[in-house]
Amino acid sequence: MNNNVDNILDKSIEGERLDQGEIQALFDTGGLLELGQAADAVRRRKNPDDVASYIIDRNINYTNVCVYRCRFCAFYRTVKDSEAYVLPFEEIATKVSETVACGGTGILLQGGVHPELRIAYYESLLADLKNSFPQIHLHAFSVPEIWYLAKLEKMPVREVLERLVAAGLDSIPGGGAEILEDDTRRQIWSRAKASTDQWLGVHREAHEFGLRTTATMMFGVGEPISARIVHLLGVRDLQDQSGGFTAFIPWTFQDLGTDLENEVEPSGGYDYLRTLAISRLALDNVDHVQGSWVTQGPKIGQVSLFFGADDLGSIMLEENVVAAAGAQYRMSQGDMERVIREAGYSPRQRRTLYEPL
C-alpha cells in the first residue's frame, strides 16, 4: 500500500466523498485486505448494529422470451423456440403461495422482454397477485421491460409506472444495468435494450414518483475498470438527486452457455471482493450493499460481510437467469442464519425495502 491509497482510505472511513481519480487509484493499487478493512469500517458506520440482514422471497421469471440477444445471457429464447414459455397466472400464483408458506414476504418478478405482452397483461398479473396476496411486496419489472413497454404502448415512462403502481407494483429491481457505460453495453449487446441514460432515467422517474428501486452491477464481461467507475458514479449521482435507491448489489458475470463463454475471463472471488469493497467506499450515499453468495457461493458470501456488505439478499427459493449460466448455489433459511452467525453477526430477516420483520 502506498501513502496515497492510505490517505484515500482514511478519507472514506471518515465519511468524505471519493472522486473519480481516487476510486481509480483504489482499483489500481489498493490491497485486498486494506480495502476490506476500510469497507468494513464504512459498513459499520452506516449500519452500526451487529446485524446482517436477509430476505425470504422468490424470483419468478414469468417468461423467457426476449426480443434482445444480450451476449451475456443464457436464459432468453425467441418466440418460436421450442423452450419458450409464458407462465400461466395460475402457476405464478401457486409459486407465490408456496413462498408465503415458507415465510416469504416478497416476489421478484422479472422476465425477458416479450414482444407480444401488452400493458394489460402486466396490470392483470399485478392485480391478481395483489388481490390474492395483499401481504406480498411485488418487486417487479426491470428497466428493459418498462422501457420496451413504453415504446410498445407509445406512452411516457411515467404513465407506464403510474398504471403499474395502480395495479399493485411496489418497487422496481435493478436488473438490466449490467455495466452502465455505453461502450461496454455495445460490446455485450445490451445497449439496444436500454442505454446508460435510459436505465438511469427510468429509475429517476420511479424515484420522483415515489417508487424505491435497487441498483445493480454485473461485472467481469471484459469491461475496463474505468467502466465500473463510470457505473458507480452514475448510481451515486442519481442517488444524490433522488435518494431512491435502497441498496447496491454487485455480482460477477457467469459465462456458461453464453455467447461470451471462452471469450472473456470471468471474475473470481478476489476481483469480486475488491470490487465489492470499493463499491462500499465509493457509494457514500447508499445505505445498504448486498453480498452475492448466489454467484460466489456461501463461503465467499460470508466473507463479503467483512468487505462492506451488510446484507446477503435472498435465500433464493427460485432463480433461473443466473442458474442458466451455471450458478447453482442454494441456501435454506437455517443455512443463511448459520453463515451470518459464524461471521459474528446476528441474522435479521427483512422485507424488500429493508424494513425488519
Protein backbone atom coordinates (compact mmCIF):
# COMPACT_ATOMS: atom_id res chain seq x y z
CA MET A 1 0.00 0.00 0.00
CA ASN A 2 1.28 3.48 -0.79
CA ASN A 3 0.65 6.61 1.21
CA ASN A 4 -1.76 7.96 -1.39
CA VAL A 5 -4.03 4.92 -1.08
CA ASP A 6 -3.77 5.05 2.73
CA ASN A 7 -4.94 8.67 2.61
CA ILE A 8 -7.83 7.80 0.28
CA LEU A 9 -8.98 5.00 2.58
CA ASP A 10 -8.73 7.25 5.63
CA LYS A 11 -10.77 9.87 3.81
CA SER A 12 -13.52 7.38 3.02
CA ILE A 13 -13.58 5.95 6.53
CA GLU A 14 -14.10 9.48 7.88
CA GLY A 15 -17.11 9.94 5.61
CA GLU A 16 -15.56 12.16 2.92
CA ARG A 17 -16.52 11.61 -0.71
CA LEU A 18 -14.05 9.98 -3.11
CA ASP A 19 -13.62 11.43 -6.57
CA GLN A 20 -13.14 9.52 -9.82
CA GLY A 21 -9.34 9.59 -9.65
CA GLU A 22 -9.32 8.34 -6.08
CA ILE A 23 -11.64 5.44 -6.91
CA GLN A 24 -9.38 4.60 -9.86
CA ALA A 25 -6.35 4.61 -7.52
CA LEU A 26 -8.09 2.09 -5.25
CA PHE A 27 -8.71 -0.23 -8.19
CA ASP A 28 -5.13 0.25 -9.45
CA THR A 29 -3.13 -0.23 -6.26
CA GLY A 30 -5.46 -0.96 -3.33
CA GLY A 31 -4.60 -4.13 -1.42
CA LEU A 32 -7.37 -6.65 -0.84
CA LEU A 33 -7.21 -6.70 2.96
CA GLU A 34 -6.78 -2.95 3.32
CA LEU A 35 -9.74 -2.33 1.06
CA GLY A 36 -11.78 -4.83 3.07
CA GLN A 37 -10.87 -3.22 6.39
CA ALA A 38 -11.84 0.23 5.14
CA ALA A 39 -15.10 -1.01 3.60
CA ASP A 40 -15.95 -2.82 6.83
CA ALA A 41 -15.38 0.40 8.79
CA VAL A 42 -17.73 2.30 6.46
CA ARG A 43 -20.28 -0.51 6.64
CA ARG A 44 -20.22 -0.37 10.45
CA ARG A 45 -20.56 3.41 10.44
CA LYS A 46 -23.60 3.28 8.18
CA ASN A 47 -25.12 0.18 9.83
CA PRO A 48 -23.79 0.20 13.41
CA ASP A 49 -25.78 -2.73 14.78
CA ASP A 50 -24.04 -6.11 14.72
CA VAL A 51 -26.70 -7.37 12.32
CA ALA A 52 -26.63 -8.82 8.82
CA SER A 53 -29.95 -8.98 7.05
CA TYR A 54 -31.55 -11.30 4.52
CA ILE A 55 -34.92 -11.80 2.91
CA ILE A 56 -37.12 -14.75 2.02
CA ASP A 57 -38.54 -14.13 -1.42
CA ARG A 58 -38.75 -15.80 -4.80
CA ASN A 59 -37.51 -14.76 -8.22
CA ILE A 60 -40.27 -15.70 -10.65
CA ASN A 61 -39.35 -15.38 -14.31
CA TYR A 62 -42.79 -15.15 -15.92
CA THR A 63 -41.37 -15.56 -19.44
CA ASN A 64 -38.05 -16.45 -21.04
CA VAL A 65 -38.99 -14.92 -24.39
CA CYS A 66 -36.91 -11.86 -25.23
CA VAL A 67 -36.52 -9.65 -28.28
CA TYR A 68 -32.92 -8.89 -27.32
CA ARG A 69 -29.84 -11.10 -27.76
CA CYS A 70 -27.51 -9.96 -24.99
CA ARG A 71 -24.20 -11.80 -25.30
CA PHE A 72 -24.01 -12.48 -21.55
CA CYS A 73 -27.43 -14.18 -21.31
CA ALA A 74 -28.05 -17.94 -21.46
CA PHE A 75 -31.69 -17.63 -20.40
CA TYR A 76 -33.51 -15.96 -23.31
CA ARG A 77 -35.45 -17.76 -26.04
CA THR A 78 -37.15 -16.49 -29.17
CA VAL A 79 -40.92 -16.57 -29.58
CA LYS A 80 -40.66 -19.58 -31.91
CA ASP A 81 -38.19 -21.55 -29.77
CA SER A 82 -39.49 -24.90 -28.52
CA GLU A 83 -38.38 -23.97 -24.97
CA ALA A 84 -40.13 -20.59 -24.99
CA TYR A 85 -42.76 -20.06 -22.29
CA VAL A 86 -45.09 -17.58 -20.64
CA LEU A 87 -46.19 -18.89 -17.25
CA PRO A 88 -49.96 -19.08 -16.72
CA PHE A 89 -51.26 -16.79 -13.99
CA GLU A 90 -52.34 -19.86 -12.03
CA GLU A 91 -48.80 -21.25 -11.96
CA ILE A 92 -47.38 -17.90 -10.84
CA ALA A 93 -49.99 -17.74 -8.06
CA THR A 94 -49.00 -21.24 -6.93
CA LYS A 95 -45.37 -20.15 -6.70
CA VAL A 96 -46.36 -17.12 -4.63
CA SER A 97 -48.48 -19.28 -2.34
CA GLU A 98 -45.51 -21.60 -1.78
CA THR A 99 -43.36 -18.56 -0.96
CA VAL A 100 -45.85 -17.34 1.65
CA ALA A 101 -45.94 -20.82 3.18
CA CYS A 102 -42.14 -20.66 3.58
CA GLY A 103 -42.32 -17.34 5.42
CA GLY A 104 -41.61 -15.27 2.33
CA THR A 105 -42.55 -11.61 2.19
CA GLY A 106 -41.70 -10.59 -1.36
CA ILE A 107 -41.75 -11.61 -5.00
CA LEU A 108 -39.13 -10.54 -7.53
CA LEU A 109 -40.98 -10.74 -10.82
CA GLN A 110 -38.92 -10.40 -13.98
CA GLY A 111 -38.90 -11.81 -17.46
CA GLY A 112 -37.42 -11.44 -20.85
CA VAL A 113 -38.72 -8.58 -22.96
CA HIS A 114 -41.61 -10.34 -24.68
CA PRO A 115 -42.71 -8.60 -27.91
CA GLU A 116 -46.37 -9.58 -27.62
CA LEU A 117 -47.24 -8.82 -23.99
CA ARG A 118 -49.08 -5.51 -23.68
CA ILE A 119 -49.55 -3.37 -20.59
CA ALA A 120 -52.91 -5.00 -19.85
CA TYR A 121 -51.08 -8.30 -19.24
CA TYR A 122 -48.82 -6.72 -16.63
CA GLU A 123 -51.69 -4.88 -14.98
CA SER A 124 -53.76 -8.06 -14.74
CA LEU A 125 -50.84 -10.05 -13.35
CA LEU A 126 -50.08 -7.47 -10.66
CA ALA A 127 -53.73 -7.00 -9.73
CA ASP A 128 -54.36 -10.75 -9.47
CA LEU A 129 -51.33 -11.26 -7.22
CA LYS A 130 -52.08 -8.25 -5.03
CA ASN A 131 -55.71 -9.27 -4.62
CA SER A 132 -54.78 -12.83 -3.69
CA PHE A 133 -51.70 -11.99 -1.59
CA PRO A 134 -52.06 -8.44 -0.26
CA GLN A 135 -49.22 -9.00 2.23
CA ILE A 136 -46.66 -9.76 -0.50
CA HIS A 137 -44.37 -6.99 -1.74
CA LEU A 138 -44.21 -7.01 -5.54
CA HIS A 139 -40.70 -6.02 -6.62
CA ALA A 140 -41.12 -6.27 -10.35
CA PHE A 141 -40.14 -5.40 -13.92
CA SER A 142 -36.66 -4.05 -14.55
CA VAL A 143 -35.83 -1.14 -16.83
CA PRO A 144 -35.70 -3.08 -20.13
CA GLU A 145 -39.24 -4.37 -19.56
CA ILE A 146 -40.58 -0.94 -18.61
CA TRP A 147 -38.72 0.90 -21.37
CA TYR A 148 -39.93 -1.55 -24.04
CA LEU A 149 -43.48 -1.37 -22.73
CA ALA A 150 -43.41 2.43 -23.00
CA LYS A 151 -42.26 2.16 -26.63
CA LEU A 152 -44.78 -0.57 -27.44
CA GLU A 153 -47.70 1.36 -25.96
CA LYS A 154 -46.43 4.74 -27.20
CA MET A 155 -46.79 6.29 -23.77
CA PRO A 156 -44.39 8.09 -21.43
CA VAL A 157 -42.45 6.03 -18.90
CA ARG A 158 -44.20 7.94 -16.11
CA GLU A 159 -47.61 6.83 -17.37
CA VAL A 160 -46.45 3.21 -17.55
CA LEU A 161 -45.25 3.45 -13.95
CA GLU A 162 -48.48 5.09 -12.81
CA ARG A 163 -50.55 2.31 -14.31
CA LEU A 164 -48.34 -0.46 -12.92
CA VAL A 165 -48.40 1.07 -9.44
CA ALA A 166 -52.17 1.40 -9.59
CA ALA A 167 -52.32 -2.31 -10.40
CA GLY A 168 -50.08 -3.32 -7.47
CA LEU A 169 -46.40 -2.65 -8.22
CA ASP A 170 -44.48 -1.84 -5.03
CA SER A 171 -40.88 -1.28 -6.19
CA ILE A 172 -38.52 -1.87 -9.12
CA PRO A 173 -35.44 -4.12 -9.24
CA GLY A 174 -32.10 -3.02 -10.65
CA GLY A 175 -31.88 -5.60 -13.43
CA GLY A 176 -30.69 -4.61 -16.87
CA ALA A 177 -27.91 -2.40 -15.52
CA GLU A 178 -25.01 -4.75 -16.28
CA ILE A 179 -22.31 -2.07 -16.76
CA LEU A 180 -23.67 1.47 -17.03
CA GLU A 181 -21.16 2.60 -19.64
CA ASP A 182 -22.26 2.58 -23.25
CA ASP A 183 -19.10 1.32 -24.96
CA THR A 184 -19.29 -1.80 -22.81
CA ARG A 185 -23.04 -2.07 -23.35
CA ARG A 186 -22.49 -2.05 -27.12
CA GLN A 187 -19.88 -4.80 -26.86
CA ILE A 188 -22.16 -7.10 -24.88
CA TRP A 189 -25.24 -6.10 -26.91
CA SER A 190 -27.20 -4.66 -24.01
CA ARG A 191 -27.31 -1.05 -25.15
CA ALA A 192 -30.15 -1.88 -27.55
CA LYS A 193 -32.48 -2.73 -24.68
CA ALA A 194 -31.52 0.36 -22.66
CA SER A 195 -28.69 2.85 -22.82
CA THR A 196 -26.99 4.09 -19.67
CA ASP A 197 -29.04 7.30 -19.76
CA GLN A 198 -32.26 5.35 -20.32
CA TRP A 199 -31.58 2.99 -17.41
CA LEU A 200 -30.84 5.88 -15.08
CA GLY A 201 -33.77 7.85 -16.50
CA VAL A 202 -36.34 5.16 -15.71
CA HIS A 203 -35.04 4.91 -12.14
CA ARG A 204 -35.14 8.71 -11.86
CA GLU A 205 -38.78 8.71 -12.98
CA ALA A 206 -39.56 5.95 -10.48
CA HIS A 207 -37.89 7.83 -7.62
CA GLU A 208 -39.71 11.05 -8.49
CA PHE A 209 -42.95 9.09 -8.48
CA GLY A 210 -42.15 7.71 -5.02
CA LEU A 211 -41.08 4.21 -6.04
CA ARG A 212 -37.97 2.81 -4.38
CA THR A 213 -35.57 0.79 -6.51
CA THR A 214 -32.32 -1.13 -6.27
CA ALA A 215 -29.12 -0.56 -8.24
CA THR A 216 -27.07 -3.48 -9.53
CA MET A 217 -23.80 -4.07 -11.35
CA MET A 218 -22.86 -7.23 -13.22
CA PHE A 219 -19.13 -7.06 -13.91
CA GLY A 220 -16.48 -9.27 -15.44
CA VAL A 221 -17.75 -9.12 -19.04
CA GLY A 222 -14.44 -7.81 -20.38
CA GLU A 223 -15.08 -4.20 -19.39
CA PRO A 224 -12.23 -1.84 -18.40
CA ILE A 225 -12.07 -0.81 -14.76
CA SER A 226 -12.90 2.71 -15.88
CA ALA A 227 -16.34 1.45 -16.96
CA ARG A 228 -17.04 0.13 -13.46
CA ILE A 229 -16.14 3.55 -12.06
CA VAL A 230 -18.47 5.31 -14.52
CA HIS A 231 -21.19 2.91 -13.34
CA LEU A 232 -20.59 3.68 -9.66
CA LEU A 233 -20.54 7.43 -10.28
CA GLY A 234 -23.78 7.25 -12.29
CA VAL A 235 -25.54 5.49 -9.44
CA ARG A 236 -24.09 7.90 -6.88
CA ASP A 237 -25.08 10.98 -8.87
CA LEU A 238 -28.67 9.82 -9.24
CA GLN A 239 -28.82 8.93 -5.56
CA ASP A 240 -27.68 12.48 -4.76
CA GLN A 241 -30.62 13.79 -6.77
CA SER A 242 -33.36 11.41 -5.69
CA GLY A 243 -32.34 9.24 -2.72
CA GLY A 244 -34.45 6.44 -4.18
CA PHE A 245 -32.02 3.52 -4.21
CA THR A 246 -32.42 1.20 -1.24
CA ALA A 247 -29.31 -0.87 -1.96
CA PHE A 248 -26.44 -1.59 -4.33
CA ILE A 249 -25.98 -5.18 -5.46
CA PRO A 250 -22.82 -6.08 -7.40
CA TRP A 251 -22.25 -9.58 -8.77
CA THR A 252 -19.98 -11.36 -11.23
CA PHE A 253 -20.88 -12.43 -14.74
CA GLN A 254 -21.49 -16.18 -15.14
CA ASP A 255 -20.45 -17.36 -18.61
CA LEU A 256 -21.71 -20.93 -19.08
CA GLY A 257 -23.77 -21.24 -22.25
CA THR A 258 -23.48 -17.56 -23.15
CA ASP A 259 -22.05 -16.00 -26.28
CA LEU A 260 -19.14 -14.70 -24.17
CA GLU A 261 -18.14 -18.15 -22.90
CA ASN A 262 -14.40 -18.66 -23.51
CA GLU A 263 -14.14 -15.09 -24.83
CA VAL A 264 -13.69 -13.26 -21.52
CA GLU A 265 -12.16 -14.35 -18.24
CA PRO A 266 -14.96 -14.18 -15.65
CA SER A 267 -14.16 -12.53 -12.33
CA GLY A 268 -13.30 -14.76 -9.40
CA GLY A 269 -13.50 -14.23 -5.66
CA TYR A 270 -10.51 -11.88 -5.49
CA ASP A 271 -11.88 -9.41 -8.05
CA TYR A 272 -15.35 -9.76 -6.59
CA LEU A 273 -14.26 -8.85 -3.04
CA ARG A 274 -12.11 -5.91 -4.20
CA THR A 275 -14.93 -4.52 -6.36
CA LEU A 276 -17.45 -5.03 -3.55
CA ALA A 277 -15.23 -3.17 -1.09
CA ILE A 278 -14.55 -0.30 -3.47
CA SER A 279 -18.28 -0.06 -4.21
CA ARG A 280 -18.95 0.37 -0.49
CA LEU A 281 -16.28 3.08 -0.28
CA ALA A 282 -17.47 4.92 -3.40
CA LEU A 283 -21.22 4.87 -2.73
CA ASP A 284 -21.26 7.07 0.34
CA ASN A 285 -24.96 7.89 -0.11
CA VAL A 286 -26.31 4.33 -0.43
CA ASP A 287 -27.23 2.72 2.88
CA HIS A 288 -27.01 -0.96 2.00
CA VAL A 289 -24.64 -3.10 -0.05
CA GLN A 290 -25.56 -6.71 -0.71
CA GLY A 291 -23.17 -9.66 -0.85
CA SER A 292 -23.65 -12.08 -3.74
CA TRP A 293 -23.48 -15.63 -2.44
CA VAL A 294 -25.65 -16.66 -5.41
CA THR A 295 -22.74 -16.20 -7.84
CA GLN A 296 -19.82 -16.64 -5.44
CA GLY A 297 -21.10 -19.37 -3.15
CA PRO A 298 -21.91 -19.27 0.57
CA LYS A 299 -18.27 -19.11 1.72
CA ILE A 300 -17.36 -16.01 -0.28
CA GLY A 301 -20.81 -14.67 0.56
CA GLN A 302 -19.88 -14.99 4.23
CA VAL A 303 -16.55 -13.24 3.63
CA SER A 304 -18.39 -10.42 1.86
CA LEU A 305 -19.73 -9.39 5.28
CA PHE A 306 -16.17 -8.28 6.06
CA PHE A 307 -15.79 -6.41 2.76
CA GLY A 308 -18.61 -3.89 3.03
CA ALA A 309 -21.77 -5.97 2.67
CA ASP A 310 -24.40 -5.69 5.40
CA ASP A 311 -26.96 -7.93 3.69
CA LEU A 312 -26.88 -11.32 1.96
CA GLY A 313 -30.03 -10.93 -0.10
CA SER A 314 -32.46 -13.77 -0.59
CA ILE A 315 -32.29 -17.43 0.33
CA MET A 316 -33.48 -17.87 -3.29
CA LEU A 317 -36.42 -20.23 -3.27
CA GLU A 318 -36.17 -19.97 -7.07
CA GLU A 319 -33.74 -18.37 -9.51
CA ASN A 320 -33.45 -19.12 -13.21
CA VAL A 321 -31.47 -16.47 -15.08
CA VAL A 322 -28.11 -16.77 -13.32
CA ALA A 323 -28.67 -20.51 -12.91
CA ALA A 324 -28.95 -20.84 -16.70
CA ALA A 325 -25.37 -19.52 -16.91
CA GLY A 326 -24.01 -22.06 -14.44
CA ALA A 327 -24.57 -20.70 -10.91
CA GLN A 328 -26.36 -23.39 -8.91
CA TYR A 329 -25.86 -22.36 -5.27
CA ARG A 330 -28.78 -22.75 -2.88
CA MET A 331 -29.32 -21.99 0.82
CA SER A 332 -32.06 -22.72 3.31
CA GLN A 333 -33.09 -20.18 5.92
CA GLY A 334 -31.18 -22.21 8.51
CA ASP A 335 -28.05 -22.17 6.34
CA MET A 336 -28.35 -18.43 5.83
CA GLU A 337 -28.63 -17.74 9.55
CA ARG A 338 -25.73 -20.09 10.31
CA VAL A 339 -23.49 -18.34 7.74
CA ILE A 340 -24.32 -14.96 9.28
CA ARG A 341 -23.80 -16.11 12.89
CA GLU A 342 -20.46 -17.73 12.04
CA ALA A 343 -19.32 -14.35 10.70
CA GLY A 344 -20.07 -12.79 14.09
CA TYR A 345 -23.34 -11.08 13.18
CA SER A 346 -26.92 -11.58 14.27
CA PRO A 347 -29.19 -12.58 11.37
CA ARG A 348 -32.24 -10.42 10.79
CA GLN A 349 -34.95 -11.27 8.30
CA ARG A 350 -36.15 -8.18 6.47
CA ARG A 351 -38.70 -7.08 3.93
CA THR A 352 -37.92 -5.80 0.43
CA LEU A 353 -37.36 -2.16 1.40
CA TYR A 354 -35.10 -3.21 4.29
CA GLU A 355 -37.78 -2.91 6.92
CA PRO A 356 -37.13 -5.52 9.65
CA LEU A 357 -39.88 -8.02 10.33
